[in-house]
């Protein structure tokens, strides 16, 4: 029997399996179980805070991009000094 066939025999984890895993967890961690739960909880909270920070940064970047896209190009105040030479006056055109 190869590995994929063996994995097909393993079904979903139900209540009896969860109960066995819980008993094993109590046996392994014993008196430290509340500390382990507390540290796991703190880790989850920190992870959620990190995700919220990333979401805020992405939202801010999207808002900045929308502002840049919505700003119309101001073509009325273009600098035309590069087109005409600086010393060209009315006498230079004649």
N, C-alpha and C. Protein backbone atom coordinates (compact mmCIF):
# COMPACT_ATOMS: atom_id res chain seq x y z
N UNK A 1 0.85 -1.18 0.00
CA UNK A 1 0.00 0.00 0.00
C UNK A 1 0.89 1.24 0.00
N UNK A 2 0.70 2.13 -0.98
CA UNK A 2 1.53 3.32 -1.02
C UNK A 2 0.94 4.43 -0.15
N UNK A 3 1.65 5.52 -0.03
CA UNK A 3 1.29 6.58 0.92
C UNK A 3 -0.07 7.24 0.61
N UNK A 4 -0.40 7.59 -0.63
CA UNK A 4 -1.71 8.21 -0.87
C UNK A 4 -2.87 7.29 -0.46
N UNK A 5 -2.73 5.98 -0.68
CA UNK A 5 -3.80 5.07 -0.28
C UNK A 5 -3.92 5.02 1.24
N UNK A 6 -2.80 5.09 1.94
CA UNK A 6 -2.82 5.07 3.40
C UNK A 6 -3.47 6.33 3.95
N UNK A 7 -3.17 7.48 3.33
CA UNK A 7 -3.77 8.73 3.78
C UNK A 7 -5.27 8.77 3.49
N UNK A 8 -5.73 8.06 2.48
CA UNK A 8 -7.16 8.03 2.16
C UNK A 8 -7.93 7.30 3.25
N UNK A 9 -7.28 6.41 3.99
CA UNK A 9 -7.95 5.67 5.05
C UNK A 9 -8.16 6.52 6.30
N UNK A 10 -7.42 7.61 6.43
CA UNK A 10 -7.55 8.48 7.59
C UNK A 10 -8.71 9.43 7.33
N UNK A 11 -9.72 9.37 8.17
CA UNK A 11 -10.90 10.21 7.99
C UNK A 11 -10.76 11.54 8.71
N UNK A 12 -11.81 12.31 8.73
CA UNK A 12 -11.78 13.60 9.44
C UNK A 12 -11.69 13.39 10.95
N UNK A 13 -11.17 14.39 11.64
CA UNK A 13 -11.03 14.30 13.10
C UNK A 13 -12.39 14.59 13.73
N UNK A 14 -12.88 13.63 14.50
CA UNK A 14 -14.16 13.77 15.17
C UNK A 14 -13.97 13.99 16.67
N UNK A 15 -15.08 13.92 17.43
CA UNK A 15 -15.03 14.15 18.87
C UNK A 15 -14.18 13.12 19.60
N UNK A 16 -14.25 11.84 19.26
CA UNK A 16 -13.40 10.88 19.99
C UNK A 16 -11.90 11.17 19.81
N UNK A 17 -11.52 11.53 18.59
CA UNK A 17 -10.11 11.84 18.34
C UNK A 17 -9.69 13.10 19.09
N UNK A 18 -10.58 14.11 19.11
CA UNK A 18 -10.26 15.34 19.85
C UNK A 18 -10.13 15.06 21.34
N UNK A 19 -10.97 14.19 21.87
CA UNK A 19 -10.89 13.83 23.28
C UNK A 19 -9.56 13.15 23.59
N UNK A 20 -9.13 12.26 22.74
CA UNK A 20 -7.85 11.58 22.94
C UNK A 20 -6.70 12.58 22.87
N UNK A 21 -6.75 13.49 21.90
CA UNK A 21 -5.69 14.50 21.79
C UNK A 21 -5.68 15.38 23.03
N UNK A 22 -6.86 15.73 23.55
CA UNK A 22 -6.94 16.54 24.77
C UNK A 22 -6.36 15.83 25.98
N UNK A 23 -6.65 14.54 26.11
CA UNK A 23 -6.10 13.77 27.23
C UNK A 23 -4.58 13.69 27.12
N UNK A 24 -4.09 13.48 25.93
CA UNK A 24 -2.63 13.44 25.74
C UNK A 24 -2.02 14.80 26.08
N UNK A 25 -2.69 15.89 25.70
CA UNK A 25 -2.21 17.23 26.02
C UNK A 25 -2.14 17.46 27.52
N UNK A 26 -3.16 16.99 28.25
CA UNK A 26 -3.16 17.14 29.70
C UNK A 26 -2.04 16.31 30.32
N UNK A 27 -1.83 15.12 29.81
CA UNK A 27 -0.75 14.27 30.34
C UNK A 27 0.63 14.88 30.08
N UNK A 28 0.79 15.46 28.92
CA UNK A 28 2.11 16.02 28.57
C UNK A 28 2.36 17.32 29.33
N UNK A 29 1.39 18.25 29.30
CA UNK A 29 1.62 19.57 29.88
C UNK A 29 1.25 19.65 31.36
N UNK A 30 0.29 18.86 31.80
CA UNK A 30 -0.08 18.79 33.21
C UNK A 30 -0.39 20.14 33.82
N UNK A 31 0.38 20.52 34.84
CA UNK A 31 0.12 21.75 35.59
C UNK A 31 0.43 23.00 34.77
N UNK A 32 1.22 22.86 33.74
CA UNK A 32 1.58 24.03 32.92
C UNK A 32 0.54 24.34 31.86
N UNK A 33 -0.54 23.58 31.80
CA UNK A 33 -1.54 23.78 30.75
C UNK A 33 -2.14 25.19 30.75
N UNK A 34 -2.48 25.80 31.88
CA UNK A 34 -2.97 27.19 31.84
C UNK A 34 -1.94 28.17 31.27
N UNK A 35 -0.67 27.97 31.60
CA UNK A 35 0.37 28.84 31.05
C UNK A 35 0.49 28.68 29.54
N UNK A 36 0.39 27.44 29.09
CA UNK A 36 0.48 27.18 27.65
C UNK A 36 -0.70 27.84 26.94
N UNK A 37 -1.90 27.69 27.50
CA UNK A 37 -3.08 28.32 26.91
C UNK A 37 -2.96 29.83 26.87
N UNK A 38 -2.43 30.40 27.95
CA UNK A 38 -2.26 31.85 28.03
C UNK A 38 -1.26 32.34 26.97
N UNK A 39 -0.16 31.62 26.82
CA UNK A 39 0.83 32.04 25.83
C UNK A 39 0.30 31.87 24.41
N UNK A 40 -0.48 30.84 24.17
CA UNK A 40 -1.09 30.67 22.84
C UNK A 40 -2.07 31.81 22.57
N UNK A 41 -2.85 32.18 23.58
CA UNK A 41 -3.79 33.29 23.44
C UNK A 41 -3.09 34.60 23.14
N UNK A 42 -1.98 34.86 23.85
CA UNK A 42 -1.20 36.08 23.59
C UNK A 42 -0.64 36.08 22.17
N UNK A 43 -0.18 34.92 21.73
CA UNK A 43 0.34 34.81 20.37
C UNK A 43 -0.71 35.11 19.32
N UNK A 44 -1.92 34.61 19.55
CA UNK A 44 -3.01 34.86 18.61
C UNK A 44 -3.37 36.34 18.58
N UNK A 45 -3.40 36.98 19.76
CA UNK A 45 -3.72 38.41 19.83
C UNK A 45 -2.65 39.22 19.08
N UNK A 46 -1.38 38.91 19.30
CA UNK A 46 -0.30 39.63 18.61
C UNK A 46 -0.38 39.42 17.10
N UNK A 47 -0.72 38.21 16.68
CA UNK A 47 -0.86 37.92 15.25
C UNK A 47 -1.98 38.76 14.64
N UNK A 48 -3.10 38.85 15.34
CA UNK A 48 -4.22 39.66 14.84
C UNK A 48 -3.85 41.13 14.77
N UNK A 49 -3.10 41.63 15.77
CA UNK A 49 -2.65 43.02 15.74
C UNK A 49 -1.73 43.26 14.55
N UNK A 50 -0.86 42.31 14.28
CA UNK A 50 0.03 42.44 13.13
C UNK A 50 -0.73 42.48 11.82
N UNK A 51 -1.75 41.62 11.71
CA UNK A 51 -2.57 41.63 10.49
C UNK A 51 -3.33 42.93 10.36
N UNK A 52 -3.82 43.47 11.46
CA UNK A 52 -4.54 44.75 11.41
C UNK A 52 -3.61 45.86 10.96
N UNK A 53 -2.36 45.84 11.42
CA UNK A 53 -1.38 46.84 11.00
C UNK A 53 -1.10 46.77 9.52
N UNK A 54 -1.00 45.56 8.99
CA UNK A 54 -0.76 45.39 7.56
C UNK A 54 -1.98 45.88 6.78
N UNK A 55 -3.18 45.56 7.25
CA UNK A 55 -4.40 46.03 6.59
C UNK A 55 -4.46 47.54 6.55
N UNK A 56 -4.08 48.19 7.66
CA UNK A 56 -4.08 49.66 7.71
C UNK A 56 -3.10 50.24 6.70
N UNK A 57 -1.93 49.64 6.58
CA UNK A 57 -0.93 50.12 5.63
C UNK A 57 -1.41 49.96 4.19
N UNK A 58 -2.04 48.85 3.90
CA UNK A 58 -2.56 48.61 2.55
C UNK A 58 -3.67 49.60 2.24
N UNK A 59 -4.57 49.83 3.19
CA UNK A 59 -5.65 50.79 2.98
C UNK A 59 -5.11 52.20 2.75
N UNK A 60 -4.09 52.59 3.51
CA UNK A 60 -3.50 53.91 3.34
C UNK A 60 -2.86 54.04 1.95
N UNK A 61 -2.20 52.99 1.50
CA UNK A 61 -1.56 53.02 0.18
C UNK A 61 -2.62 53.11 -0.92
N UNK A 62 -3.71 52.40 -0.76
CA UNK A 62 -4.78 52.46 -1.75
C UNK A 62 -5.39 53.85 -1.78
N UNK A 63 -5.59 54.47 -0.62
CA UNK A 63 -6.16 55.82 -0.58
C UNK A 63 -5.21 56.83 -1.24
N UNK A 64 -3.89 56.69 -0.98
CA UNK A 64 -2.93 57.59 -1.62
C UNK A 64 -2.97 57.43 -3.14
N UNK A 65 -3.06 56.18 -3.61
CA UNK A 65 -3.10 55.94 -5.04
C UNK A 65 -4.37 56.50 -5.66
N UNK A 66 -5.49 56.38 -4.96
CA UNK A 66 -6.74 56.94 -5.47
C UNK A 66 -6.66 58.45 -5.57
N UNK A 67 -6.02 59.09 -4.58
CA UNK A 67 -5.86 60.54 -4.63
C UNK A 67 -5.00 60.95 -5.81
N UNK A 68 -3.94 60.19 -6.07
CA UNK A 68 -3.06 60.51 -7.20
C UNK A 68 -3.78 60.29 -8.52
N UNK A 69 -4.58 59.25 -8.61
CA UNK A 69 -5.30 58.98 -9.84
C UNK A 69 -6.42 60.00 -10.08
N UNK A 70 -7.03 60.50 -9.01
CA UNK A 70 -8.15 61.43 -9.14
C UNK A 70 -7.69 62.85 -9.41
N UNK A 71 -6.44 63.18 -9.09
CA UNK A 71 -5.93 64.54 -9.28
C UNK A 71 -5.76 64.79 -10.78
N UNK A 72 -6.45 65.81 -11.33
CA UNK A 72 -6.33 66.08 -12.78
C UNK A 72 -4.96 66.70 -13.08
N UNK A 73 -4.48 66.41 -14.26
CA UNK A 73 -3.19 66.99 -14.69
C UNK A 73 -3.40 68.46 -15.00
N UNK A 74 -2.60 69.32 -14.41
CA UNK A 74 -2.72 70.76 -14.59
C UNK A 74 -1.83 71.18 -15.76
N UNK A 75 -2.44 71.33 -16.94
CA UNK A 75 -1.67 71.66 -18.14
C UNK A 75 -1.65 73.16 -18.42
N UNK A 76 -2.40 73.96 -17.66
CA UNK A 76 -2.45 75.40 -17.94
C UNK A 76 -1.20 76.12 -17.45
N UNK A 77 -0.47 75.57 -16.51
CA UNK A 77 0.69 76.25 -15.96
C UNK A 77 1.98 75.57 -16.38
N UNK A 78 2.01 75.05 -17.60
CA UNK A 78 3.22 74.39 -18.08
C UNK A 78 4.32 75.42 -18.30
N UNK A 79 5.54 75.04 -18.02
CA UNK A 79 6.69 75.91 -18.19
C UNK A 79 7.11 75.86 -19.66
N UNK A 80 6.94 76.96 -20.36
CA UNK A 80 7.30 77.01 -21.79
C UNK A 80 8.63 77.69 -22.01
N UNK A 81 9.38 77.94 -20.95
CA UNK A 81 10.65 78.65 -21.11
C UNK A 81 11.67 77.80 -21.85
N UNK A 82 11.51 76.50 -21.88
CA UNK A 82 12.47 75.64 -22.57
C UNK A 82 12.28 75.72 -24.08
N UNK A 83 11.08 76.15 -24.53
CA UNK A 83 10.81 76.18 -25.96
C UNK A 83 11.47 77.38 -26.64
N UNK A 84 11.48 78.53 -26.00
CA UNK A 84 12.04 79.74 -26.60
C UNK A 84 13.39 80.04 -25.97
N UNK A 85 14.35 80.49 -26.74
CA UNK A 85 15.64 80.84 -26.16
C UNK A 85 15.49 82.04 -25.25
N UNK A 86 16.34 82.13 -24.24
CA UNK A 86 16.24 83.18 -23.22
C UNK A 86 16.52 84.56 -23.81
N UNK A 87 17.42 84.67 -24.80
CA UNK A 87 17.77 85.98 -25.34
C UNK A 87 16.97 86.34 -26.58
N UNK A 88 15.98 85.58 -26.92
CA UNK A 88 15.17 85.87 -28.10
C UNK A 88 14.12 86.89 -27.75
N UNK A 89 14.15 87.97 -28.43
CA UNK A 89 13.17 89.03 -28.22
C UNK A 89 12.48 89.34 -29.53
N UNK A 90 11.79 90.46 -29.61
CA UNK A 90 11.12 90.82 -30.85
C UNK A 90 12.10 91.06 -31.98
N UNK A 91 13.32 91.52 -31.69
CA UNK A 91 14.29 91.79 -32.76
C UNK A 91 14.87 90.49 -33.31
N UNK A 92 14.84 89.41 -32.54
CA UNK A 92 15.40 88.15 -33.01
C UNK A 92 14.50 87.46 -34.00
N UNK A 93 13.22 87.80 -34.01
CA UNK A 93 12.30 87.15 -34.94
C UNK A 93 12.39 87.76 -36.33
N UNK A 94 12.87 88.99 -36.48
CA UNK A 94 12.93 89.67 -37.77
C UNK A 94 14.03 89.24 -38.66
